[in-house]
Structure formats: structure tokens, C-alpha cells
N, C-alpha and C. Protein backbone atom coordinates (compact mmCIF):
# COMPACT_ATOMS: atom_id res chain seq x y z
N UNK A 1 0.85 -1.33 -0.05
CA UNK A 1 0.10 0.06 -0.10
C UNK A 1 0.90 1.22 -0.10
N UNK A 2 0.42 2.21 -0.76
CA UNK A 2 1.15 3.39 -0.86
C UNK A 2 0.82 4.45 0.12
N UNK A 3 1.59 5.60 0.41
CA UNK A 3 1.25 6.45 1.03
C UNK A 3 0.07 7.56 0.70
N UNK A 4 -0.31 7.38 -0.63
CA UNK A 4 -1.59 8.10 -1.28
C UNK A 4 -2.50 7.73 -0.49
N UNK A 5 -2.74 6.39 0.23
CA UNK A 5 -3.87 6.03 0.61
C UNK A 5 -4.21 6.53 1.99
N UNK A 6 -3.25 7.25 2.73
CA UNK A 6 -3.36 7.54 4.10
C UNK A 6 -3.31 9.13 4.08
N UNK A 7 -3.39 9.95 2.96
CA UNK A 7 -3.08 11.22 2.73
C UNK A 7 -4.22 11.68 3.41
N UNK A 8 -4.30 12.77 4.23
CA UNK A 8 -2.92 13.70 4.46
C UNK A 8 -2.08 13.38 5.52
N UNK A 9 -2.13 12.42 5.85
CA UNK A 9 -0.93 11.90 6.86
C UNK A 9 0.17 11.54 6.09
N UNK A 10 1.42 11.85 6.79
CA UNK A 10 2.59 11.51 5.93
C UNK A 10 3.18 9.95 5.95
N UNK A 11 2.96 9.58 7.17
CA UNK A 11 3.58 8.19 7.49
C UNK A 11 2.28 7.15 7.93
N UNK A 12 2.73 6.04 7.93
CA UNK A 12 1.68 4.86 8.49
C UNK A 12 1.71 5.15 9.94
N UNK A 13 2.86 5.27 10.59
CA UNK A 13 2.55 5.58 11.91
C UNK A 13 1.57 6.71 12.22
N UNK A 14 2.08 7.86 11.77
CA UNK A 14 0.83 8.90 12.07
C UNK A 14 -0.45 8.61 11.75
N UNK A 15 -0.81 7.66 10.91
CA UNK A 15 -2.03 7.29 10.38
C UNK A 15 -2.53 6.48 11.46
N UNK A 16 -1.81 5.51 11.89
CA UNK A 16 -2.35 4.53 12.78
C UNK A 16 -2.65 5.33 14.04
N UNK A 17 -1.58 6.21 14.48
CA UNK A 17 -1.85 6.82 15.85
C UNK A 17 -3.10 7.35 15.77
N UNK A 18 -3.35 8.28 14.59
CA UNK A 18 -4.70 9.21 14.49
C UNK A 18 -5.87 8.23 14.68
N UNK A 19 -5.71 7.07 14.01
CA UNK A 19 -6.96 6.27 14.20
C UNK A 19 -7.19 5.73 15.75
N UNK A 20 -6.00 5.30 16.36
CA UNK A 20 -6.16 5.13 17.71
C UNK A 20 -6.72 5.95 18.31
N UNK A 21 -6.34 7.10 18.15
CA UNK A 21 -6.98 8.24 18.99
C UNK A 21 -8.20 8.50 18.59
N UNK A 22 -8.95 8.37 17.48
CA UNK A 22 -10.26 8.22 17.02
C UNK A 22 -10.95 7.02 17.75
N UNK A 23 -10.30 5.95 17.64
CA UNK A 23 -10.66 4.49 18.35
C UNK A 23 -11.00 4.99 19.84
N UNK A 24 -10.01 5.62 20.48
CA UNK A 24 -10.06 6.04 22.05
C UNK A 24 -11.57 6.85 22.28
N UNK A 25 -11.61 8.05 21.23
CA UNK A 25 -12.80 8.77 21.47
C UNK A 25 -13.97 8.11 21.26
N UNK A 26 -14.14 7.14 20.44
CA UNK A 26 -15.19 6.03 20.10
C UNK A 26 -15.44 5.37 21.20
N UNK A 27 -14.56 4.80 21.87
CA UNK A 27 -14.52 3.90 23.22
C UNK A 27 -15.12 4.76 24.20
N UNK A 28 -14.76 5.90 24.42
CA UNK A 28 -15.11 6.89 25.57
C UNK A 28 -16.77 7.03 25.33
N UNK A 29 -17.23 7.03 24.16
CA UNK A 29 -18.62 7.33 23.76
C UNK A 29 -19.39 6.01 24.01
N UNK A 30 -18.80 4.94 23.77
CA UNK A 30 -19.52 3.90 23.63
C UNK A 30 -19.45 2.83 24.58
N UNK A 31 -18.46 2.64 25.21
CA UNK A 31 -18.21 1.61 26.47
C UNK A 31 -19.17 2.31 27.55
N UNK A 32 -19.58 0.91 28.30
CA UNK A 32 -20.62 1.16 29.40
C UNK A 32 -19.64 1.36 30.79
N UNK A 33 -18.48 0.67 30.80
CA UNK A 33 -17.55 0.51 32.02
C UNK A 33 -16.29 1.22 31.50
N UNK A 34 -15.84 2.39 32.17
CA UNK A 34 -14.61 2.93 31.64
C UNK A 34 -13.38 2.31 32.54
N UNK A 35 -13.21 0.89 32.52
CA UNK A 35 -12.15 0.42 33.10
C UNK A 35 -10.86 0.37 31.67
N UNK A 36 -9.59 0.23 32.38
CA UNK A 36 -8.81 0.16 31.30
C UNK A 36 -8.85 -0.90 30.27
N UNK A 37 -9.24 -2.11 30.59
CA UNK A 37 -9.65 -3.20 29.65
C UNK A 37 -10.62 -2.90 28.72
N UNK A 38 -11.60 -2.32 29.12
CA UNK A 38 -12.96 -1.95 28.31
C UNK A 38 -12.35 -0.77 27.54
N UNK A 39 -11.70 0.25 27.81
CA UNK A 39 -11.03 1.10 27.07
C UNK A 39 -10.23 0.63 25.93
N UNK A 40 -9.25 -0.20 26.47
CA UNK A 40 -8.33 -0.75 25.66
C UNK A 40 -8.99 -1.33 24.39
N UNK A 41 -9.97 -2.39 24.68
CA UNK A 41 -10.67 -3.19 23.81
C UNK A 41 -11.51 -2.21 22.85
N UNK A 42 -12.17 -1.23 23.51
CA UNK A 42 -12.92 -0.39 22.61
C UNK A 42 -12.16 0.41 21.75
N UNK A 43 -10.98 1.00 22.18
CA UNK A 43 -9.81 1.62 21.37
C UNK A 43 -9.51 0.78 20.00
N UNK A 44 -9.07 -0.34 20.32
CA UNK A 44 -8.81 -1.12 19.17
C UNK A 44 -10.15 -1.44 18.23
N UNK A 45 -10.91 -1.67 18.96
CA UNK A 45 -12.33 -1.86 18.13
C UNK A 45 -12.65 -0.43 17.30
N UNK A 46 -12.79 0.44 17.76
CA UNK A 46 -12.90 1.70 17.29
C UNK A 46 -12.05 2.36 16.13
N UNK A 47 -10.93 1.64 16.32
CA UNK A 47 -9.57 1.97 15.37
C UNK A 47 -9.69 1.37 14.15
N UNK A 48 -10.21 0.17 14.50
CA UNK A 48 -10.21 -0.90 13.28
C UNK A 48 -11.46 -0.71 12.49
N UNK A 49 -12.56 -0.11 13.03
CA UNK A 49 -13.81 0.35 12.12
C UNK A 49 -13.08 1.53 11.38
N UNK A 50 -12.40 2.52 12.06
CA UNK A 50 -11.94 3.79 11.19
C UNK A 50 -10.99 3.48 10.20
N UNK A 51 -10.00 2.68 10.54
CA UNK A 51 -9.07 2.07 9.25
C UNK A 51 -9.89 1.38 8.44
N UNK A 52 -10.73 0.45 8.53
CA UNK A 52 -11.33 -0.35 7.53
C UNK A 52 -12.11 0.34 6.72
N UNK A 53 -12.80 1.45 7.34
CA UNK A 53 -13.71 2.53 6.52
C UNK A 53 -12.67 3.29 5.58
N UNK A 54 -11.50 3.91 6.19
CA UNK A 54 -10.79 4.53 5.44
C UNK A 54 -10.10 3.96 4.12
N UNK A 55 -9.25 2.89 4.51
CA UNK A 55 -8.78 2.21 3.49
C UNK A 55 -9.65 1.64 2.64
N UNK A 56 -10.59 1.06 2.85
CA UNK A 56 -11.62 0.62 1.91
C UNK A 56 -12.16 1.55 0.93
N UNK A 57 -12.53 2.87 1.67
CA UNK A 57 -13.25 3.94 0.76
C UNK A 57 -12.14 4.47 -0.29
N UNK A 58 -10.83 4.63 0.17
CA UNK A 58 -9.81 5.10 -0.69
C UNK A 58 -9.52 4.13 -1.77
N UNK A 59 -9.48 2.87 -1.75
CA UNK A 59 -9.16 1.91 -2.58
C UNK A 59 -10.44 1.97 -3.53
N UNK A 60 -11.60 1.83 -3.23
CA UNK A 60 -12.74 1.71 -3.92
C UNK A 60 -12.77 3.19 -4.90
N UNK A 61 -12.61 4.23 -4.22
CA UNK A 61 -12.77 5.56 -4.87
C UNK A 61 -11.59 5.73 -6.04
N UNK A 62 -10.53 5.24 -5.52
CA UNK A 62 -9.36 5.12 -6.58
C UNK A 62 -9.80 4.37 -8.00
N UNK A 63 -10.51 3.00 -7.60
CA UNK A 63 -10.91 2.36 -8.93
C UNK A 63 -12.09 3.15 -9.58
N UNK A 64 -12.82 3.89 -9.02
CA UNK A 64 -14.05 4.55 -9.67
C UNK A 64 -13.44 5.71 -10.44
N UNK A 65 -12.49 6.32 -9.53
CA UNK A 65 -11.76 7.68 -10.45
C UNK A 65 -10.96 7.07 -11.75
N UNK A 66 -10.53 5.70 -11.69
CA UNK A 66 -9.76 5.24 -12.87
C UNK A 66 -10.62 4.94 -14.03
N UNK A 67 -12.13 5.06 -13.75
CA UNK A 67 -13.11 4.37 -14.85
C UNK A 67 -13.94 5.79 -15.10
N UNK A 68 -14.43 6.44 -14.13
CA UNK A 68 -15.26 7.65 -14.39
C UNK A 68 -14.75 9.01 -13.98
N UNK A 69 -14.68 9.95 -15.00
CA UNK A 69 -13.88 11.23 -14.65
C UNK A 69 -15.16 12.00 -14.21
N UNK A 70 -14.76 12.81 -13.21
CA UNK A 70 -15.82 13.84 -12.83
C UNK A 70 -16.33 14.76 -13.87
N UNK A 71 -15.26 15.09 -14.84
CA UNK A 71 -15.54 16.10 -15.75
C UNK A 71 -16.26 15.67 -16.95
N UNK A 72 -16.08 14.09 -17.50
CA UNK A 72 -16.64 13.63 -18.51
C UNK A 72 -17.97 12.86 -18.17
N UNK A 73 -17.86 12.21 -16.84
CA UNK A 73 -19.04 11.67 -16.38
C UNK A 73 -19.56 11.77 -15.05
N UNK A 74 -19.85 13.02 -14.79
CA UNK A 74 -20.19 13.33 -13.34
C UNK A 74 -21.31 12.61 -12.83
N UNK A 75 -22.62 12.28 -13.42
CA UNK A 75 -23.51 11.76 -12.92
C UNK A 75 -23.32 10.14 -12.50
N UNK A 76 -22.66 9.44 -13.48
CA UNK A 76 -22.17 8.02 -13.20
C UNK A 76 -21.21 8.07 -12.24
N UNK A 77 -20.16 8.92 -12.02
CA UNK A 77 -19.19 9.04 -10.97
C UNK A 77 -19.91 9.43 -9.76
N UNK A 78 -20.86 10.12 -9.68
CA UNK A 78 -21.56 10.28 -8.31
C UNK A 78 -22.52 9.28 -7.82
N UNK A 79 -23.12 8.35 -8.89
CA UNK A 79 -23.83 7.30 -8.55
C UNK A 79 -22.97 6.17 -8.08
N UNK A 80 -21.86 5.88 -8.66
CA UNK A 80 -21.03 4.95 -8.35
C UNK A 80 -20.22 5.22 -6.82
N UNK A 81 -19.91 6.69 -6.75
CA UNK A 81 -19.37 6.92 -5.41
C UNK A 81 -20.48 6.71 -4.33
N UNK A 82 -21.37 7.25 -4.52
CA UNK A 82 -22.55 7.13 -3.57
C UNK A 82 -23.02 5.74 -3.15
N UNK A 83 -23.09 5.02 -4.31
CA UNK A 83 -23.69 3.50 -3.93
C UNK A 83 -22.41 2.77 -3.12
N UNK A 84 -21.31 3.14 -3.88
CA UNK A 84 -20.13 2.07 -3.27
C UNK A 84 -19.63 2.37 -1.70
N UNK A 85 -19.99 3.68 -1.57
CA UNK A 85 -19.89 4.16 0.06
C UNK A 85 -20.70 3.52 0.83
N UNK A 86 -22.06 3.46 0.66
CA UNK A 86 -23.03 3.03 1.25
C UNK A 86 -22.86 1.51 1.53
N UNK A 87 -22.68 0.79 0.34
CA UNK A 87 -22.59 -0.52 0.25
C UNK A 87 -21.11 -0.93 1.13
N UNK A 88 -20.10 -0.46 0.82
CA UNK A 88 -18.92 -0.89 1.66
C UNK A 88 -19.02 -0.64 2.85
N UNK A 89 -19.20 0.68 3.33
CA UNK A 89 -19.33 1.07 4.74
C UNK A 89 -20.23 0.26 5.55
N UNK A 90 -21.39 -0.18 5.06
CA UNK A 90 -22.32 -1.02 5.81
C UNK A 90 -21.71 -2.31 5.82
N UNK A 91 -21.14 -3.08 4.94
CA UNK A 91 -20.57 -4.32 5.02
C UNK A 91 -19.42 -4.18 5.79
N UNK A 92 -18.64 -3.45 5.53
CA UNK A 92 -17.31 -3.37 6.34
C UNK A 92 -17.61 -3.13 7.87
N UNK A 93 -18.66 -2.42 8.31
CA UNK A 93 -18.95 -2.06 9.63
C UNK A 93 -19.59 -3.47 10.34
N UNK A 94 -20.29 -4.22 9.24
CA UNK A 94 -20.93 -5.42 9.86
C UNK A 94 -19.95 -6.38 10.00
N UNK A 95 -19.01 -6.59 9.30
CA UNK A 95 -17.85 -7.53 9.45
C UNK A 95 -17.01 -7.44 10.73
N UNK A 96 -16.86 -6.05 10.84
CA UNK A 96 -15.92 -5.72 12.04
C UNK A 96 -16.50 -5.83 13.36
N UNK A 97 -17.83 -5.60 13.17
CA UNK A 97 -18.72 -5.92 14.47
C UNK A 97 -18.89 -7.17 14.72
N UNK A 98 -19.12 -8.03 13.70
CA UNK A 98 -19.26 -9.28 13.90
C UNK A 98 -17.97 -10.03 14.37
N UNK A 99 -16.91 -9.74 13.66
CA UNK A 99 -15.63 -10.19 14.23
C UNK A 99 -15.31 -10.05 15.80
N UNK A 100 -15.48 -8.53 16.05
CA UNK A 100 -15.15 -8.36 17.42
C UNK A 100 -16.19 -8.72 18.50
N UNK A 101 -17.35 -9.02 18.33
CA UNK A 101 -18.25 -9.27 18.98
C UNK A 101 -18.06 -11.12 19.42
N UNK A 102 -17.58 -11.56 18.07
CA UNK A 102 -17.32 -13.11 18.16
C UNK A 102 -16.14 -13.28 19.10
N UNK A 103 -15.09 -12.56 18.86
CA UNK A 103 -13.95 -12.30 19.67
C UNK A 103 -13.91 -12.28 21.29
N UNK A 104 -14.74 -11.23 21.48
CA UNK A 104 -14.83 -10.52 22.81
C UNK A 104 -15.98 -11.32 23.40
N UNK A 105 -17.21 -11.53 22.73
CA UNK A 105 -18.30 -12.05 23.64
C UNK A 105 -18.73 -13.54 23.20
N UNK A 106 -17.98 -14.12 22.41
CA UNK A 106 -18.28 -15.32 21.95
C UNK A 106 -19.59 -15.69 20.94
N UNK A 107 -20.27 -14.65 20.61
CA UNK A 107 -21.32 -14.67 19.78
C UNK A 107 -21.54 -13.48 19.03
N UNK A 108 -22.36 -13.53 17.81
CA UNK A 108 -22.91 -12.38 17.04
C UNK A 108 -24.14 -12.11 17.40
N UNK A 109 -24.57 -10.78 17.98
CA UNK A 109 -25.83 -10.52 18.42
C UNK A 109 -26.68 -10.66 17.20
N UNK A 110 -28.11 -10.84 17.28
CA UNK A 110 -29.07 -10.83 16.54
C UNK A 110 -29.39 -9.51 15.64
N UNK A 111 -29.01 -8.32 16.57
CA UNK A 111 -29.45 -7.26 16.16
C UNK A 111 -28.49 -6.77 14.86
N UNK A 112 -27.33 -7.21 14.67
CA UNK A 112 -26.35 -7.21 13.56
C UNK A 112 -27.15 -7.74 12.26
N UNK A 113 -27.92 -8.54 12.53
CA UNK A 113 -28.56 -9.07 10.92
C UNK A 113 -30.14 -8.81 10.85
N UNK A 114 -30.52 -7.85 11.83
CA UNK A 114 -31.87 -7.41 11.72
C UNK A 114 -32.01 -5.87 11.04
N UNK A 115 -32.99 -5.47 10.61
CA UNK A 115 -33.30 -4.20 10.08
C UNK A 115 -33.90 -3.47 10.96
N UNK A 116 -32.97 -2.87 12.01
CA UNK A 116 -33.70 -2.05 13.17
C UNK A 116 -32.99 -0.60 13.06
N UNK A 117 -33.14 0.17 13.92
CA UNK A 117 -32.33 1.41 13.98
C UNK A 117 -30.84 1.28 14.37
N UNK A 118 -30.53 0.25 14.56
CA UNK A 118 -28.82 -0.21 14.68
C UNK A 118 -28.06 0.12 13.57
N UNK A 119 -28.75 0.05 12.46
CA UNK A 119 -28.00 0.56 11.23
C UNK A 119 -28.11 1.90 10.73
N UNK A 120 -28.89 2.54 11.46
CA UNK A 120 -28.88 3.93 11.03
C UNK A 120 -27.35 4.64 11.14
N UNK A 121 -26.95 4.28 12.31
CA UNK A 121 -25.60 5.01 12.48
C UNK A 121 -24.55 4.86 11.39
N UNK A 122 -24.29 3.45 10.91
CA UNK A 122 -23.34 3.47 9.64
C UNK A 122 -24.02 3.97 8.45
N UNK A 123 -25.17 4.13 8.27
CA UNK A 123 -25.84 4.56 6.96
C UNK A 123 -25.71 6.06 7.03
N UNK A 124 -25.86 6.60 8.28
CA UNK A 124 -25.69 8.21 8.15
C UNK A 124 -24.40 8.42 8.13
N UNK A 125 -23.38 7.72 8.69
CA UNK A 125 -22.09 8.06 8.50
C UNK A 125 -21.52 8.20 7.04
N UNK A 126 -21.99 7.01 6.27
CA UNK A 126 -22.02 6.62 4.99
C UNK A 126 -22.29 7.81 4.11
N UNK A 127 -23.51 8.35 4.61
CA UNK A 127 -24.02 9.36 3.64
C UNK A 127 -23.37 10.65 3.81
N UNK A 128 -22.92 10.87 5.00
CA UNK A 128 -21.80 12.13 5.31
C UNK A 128 -20.77 12.01 4.58
N UNK A 129 -19.99 10.69 4.65
CA UNK A 129 -18.78 10.54 4.10
C UNK A 129 -18.98 10.73 2.43
N UNK A 130 -20.01 10.08 2.02
CA UNK A 130 -20.31 9.82 0.39
C UNK A 130 -20.40 11.53 0.03
N UNK A 131 -21.31 12.43 0.71
CA UNK A 131 -21.44 13.72 0.30
C UNK A 131 -20.23 14.51 0.32
N UNK A 132 -19.56 14.40 1.61
CA UNK A 132 -18.22 14.89 1.49
C UNK A 132 -17.30 14.50 0.58
N UNK A 133 -16.86 13.21 0.53
CA UNK A 133 -15.87 12.67 -0.45
C UNK A 133 -16.47 12.96 -1.93
N UNK A 134 -17.71 13.04 -2.30
CA UNK A 134 -18.11 13.15 -3.51
C UNK A 134 -18.14 14.85 -3.98
N UNK A 135 -18.38 15.77 -3.07
CA UNK A 135 -18.05 16.99 -3.17
C UNK A 135 -16.48 17.45 -3.38
N UNK A 136 -15.80 16.87 -2.36
CA UNK A 136 -14.49 16.98 -2.61
C UNK A 136 -13.90 16.60 -4.03
N UNK A 137 -14.15 15.30 -4.19
CA UNK A 137 -13.76 14.71 -5.38
C UNK A 137 -14.35 15.47 -6.63
N UNK A 138 -15.38 15.87 -6.63
CA UNK A 138 -16.06 16.55 -7.75
C UNK A 138 -15.46 17.94 -7.98
N UNK A 139 -15.30 18.64 -6.99
CA UNK A 139 -14.62 20.20 -7.38
C UNK A 139 -13.01 19.87 -7.57
N UNK A 140 -12.31 18.77 -6.98
CA UNK A 140 -11.04 18.65 -7.46
C UNK A 140 -10.67 18.02 -8.70
N UNK A 141 -11.67 17.12 -9.09
CA UNK A 141 -11.72 16.69 -10.38
C UNK A 141 -12.02 17.76 -11.20
N UNK A 142 -12.92 18.48 -11.05
CA UNK A 142 -13.54 19.60 -12.00
C UNK A 142 -12.18 20.55 -12.12
N UNK A 143 -11.39 20.97 -11.17
CA UNK A 143 -10.54 21.82 -11.34
C UNK A 143 -9.28 21.44 -12.16
N UNK A 144 -9.32 20.20 -12.05
CA UNK A 144 -7.94 19.55 -12.69
C UNK A 144 -8.31 19.33 -14.19
N UNK A 145 -9.59 19.05 -14.33
CA UNK A 145 -10.08 18.77 -15.78
C UNK A 145 -10.00 20.38 -16.44
N UNK A 146 -10.36 21.39 -15.70
CA UNK A 146 -10.30 22.79 -16.17
C UNK A 146 -8.79 22.91 -16.76
N UNK A 147 -8.14 22.76 -15.61
CA UNK A 147 -6.54 23.21 -15.97
C UNK A 147 -6.14 22.33 -17.01
N UNK A 148 -6.35 21.11 -17.14
CA UNK A 148 -5.93 20.27 -18.32
C UNK A 148 -6.55 20.75 -19.49
N UNK A 149 -7.75 20.97 -19.59
CA UNK A 149 -8.29 21.63 -20.76
C UNK A 149 -7.61 22.88 -21.35
N UNK A 150 -7.35 23.96 -20.17
CA UNK A 150 -6.79 25.24 -20.47
C UNK A 150 -5.41 24.76 -21.20
N UNK A 151 -4.69 24.01 -20.66
CA UNK A 151 -3.39 23.60 -21.15
C UNK A 151 -3.33 23.13 -22.47
N UNK A 152 -4.44 22.31 -22.71
CA UNK A 152 -4.58 21.52 -24.37
C UNK A 152 -4.64 22.47 -25.18
N UNK A 153 -5.31 23.69 -24.94
CA UNK A 153 -5.99 24.53 -25.95
C UNK A 153 -4.97 25.46 -25.92
């Protein structure tokens, strides 16, 4: 994996540390008991969610970017970006949650597989990521395409 995947971080170490900090914040919000053991597990769990979301999204968006230009096919690019973020985010979240529930508690809770409000959080986060990434990608791609077109003429 190259360092472009972790941009704006310069090194993998800083990327991991930032995600551990985010994981710690997630643990503070989500754990019931603020013991060192629970905070450590929650931190690793939260960091794993963050890292899988980040790296998976960057990889998928790189593939979409190679196929659909914001300048040439903005509608297709948006549809693919939006759909892939929601599908990937939800599946990655399910996998991480299932894995940690199985490792820590020895079972996967039923609500991970039911369509209840539990799924609203990853979907809302996915929508936020999608809109943010889509907007940044669109305007960055649009600017690059305009610059490229200016130099061609």
C-alpha cells in the first residue's frame, strides 16, 4: 500500500496513531464501563472500524476514479461513489462488528442481522462520507480537468 492511501498523513505511523486516538474517542462514547480493559478493547475496536472505513473507501474511490472522470461522466461518478460508499461502509461495519463480537463475547448478536435502528448510524456516517468525498472529489476533479483543458488549448 502506498502513502497516497493515507493522505493527508505523511506516514503509516501517524495514520495508525490518529486512528487509535479516534478509536479511543469512540470507546469513551460507547463503552459502558470505563475500565482500562474496556477502554483498550474499545479503542482497538473503534480504530479497526476507522481504518477499514478509510482504507476501503480510498481503494474503492481510486478504482472508480480510474473509470469515471468527474469532468466527463459526473452523474455516473456520483452514482458509483454514493452507492459504493453506502454498500462498503455497511458491509465493512458489519464484518468488524461481527468479528469483535465473536472474539470478545463469543457470539454475534441478532441485531447485527436485523433491519432496525442499529443500522442508522453506519448509514448516516456513510451518507456524510459520501457527500463529503463526492463534493471534494467533484471539485478537485473539475479543477484538474479545467486546468488540463486550458493547457490543451
